[in-house]
């Protein structure tokens, strides 16, 4: 089985697109292109921004799945002085999560109380 199938067994078909989490605010798409170019031919690199401020993540797209798998399996990845989390990108409609944010809890609330409630 491939790296992609191991990371996301529920996803339909893996693409050549990688998600990059934990980017520094100063990381640029050119830095991503240069770094990830060592694993294959980069079709596209982008850093996500909200206005002019980096959102701390980005994407790299390769031309082939083999290149994407090579990049994903060779780690840790250090870009702009920080270890970056590299995973296969999954379309938003295929992301499965069992996490729920519960805010405004009193300090005396315990894990057992939450487990009992939910």
Foldseek 3Di string as FASTA:
>chain_A
DAPQCVVCVQADDFAQKKKKAQADFPDAQVQVCVQLPVLHHWPGWGFDDDVSTTPRMIMTGHPDNNSSRSSQVDDQDATPRRRIHMHGDGPPVRDDDPDDDDDDDDPPDDPVNVVVVD
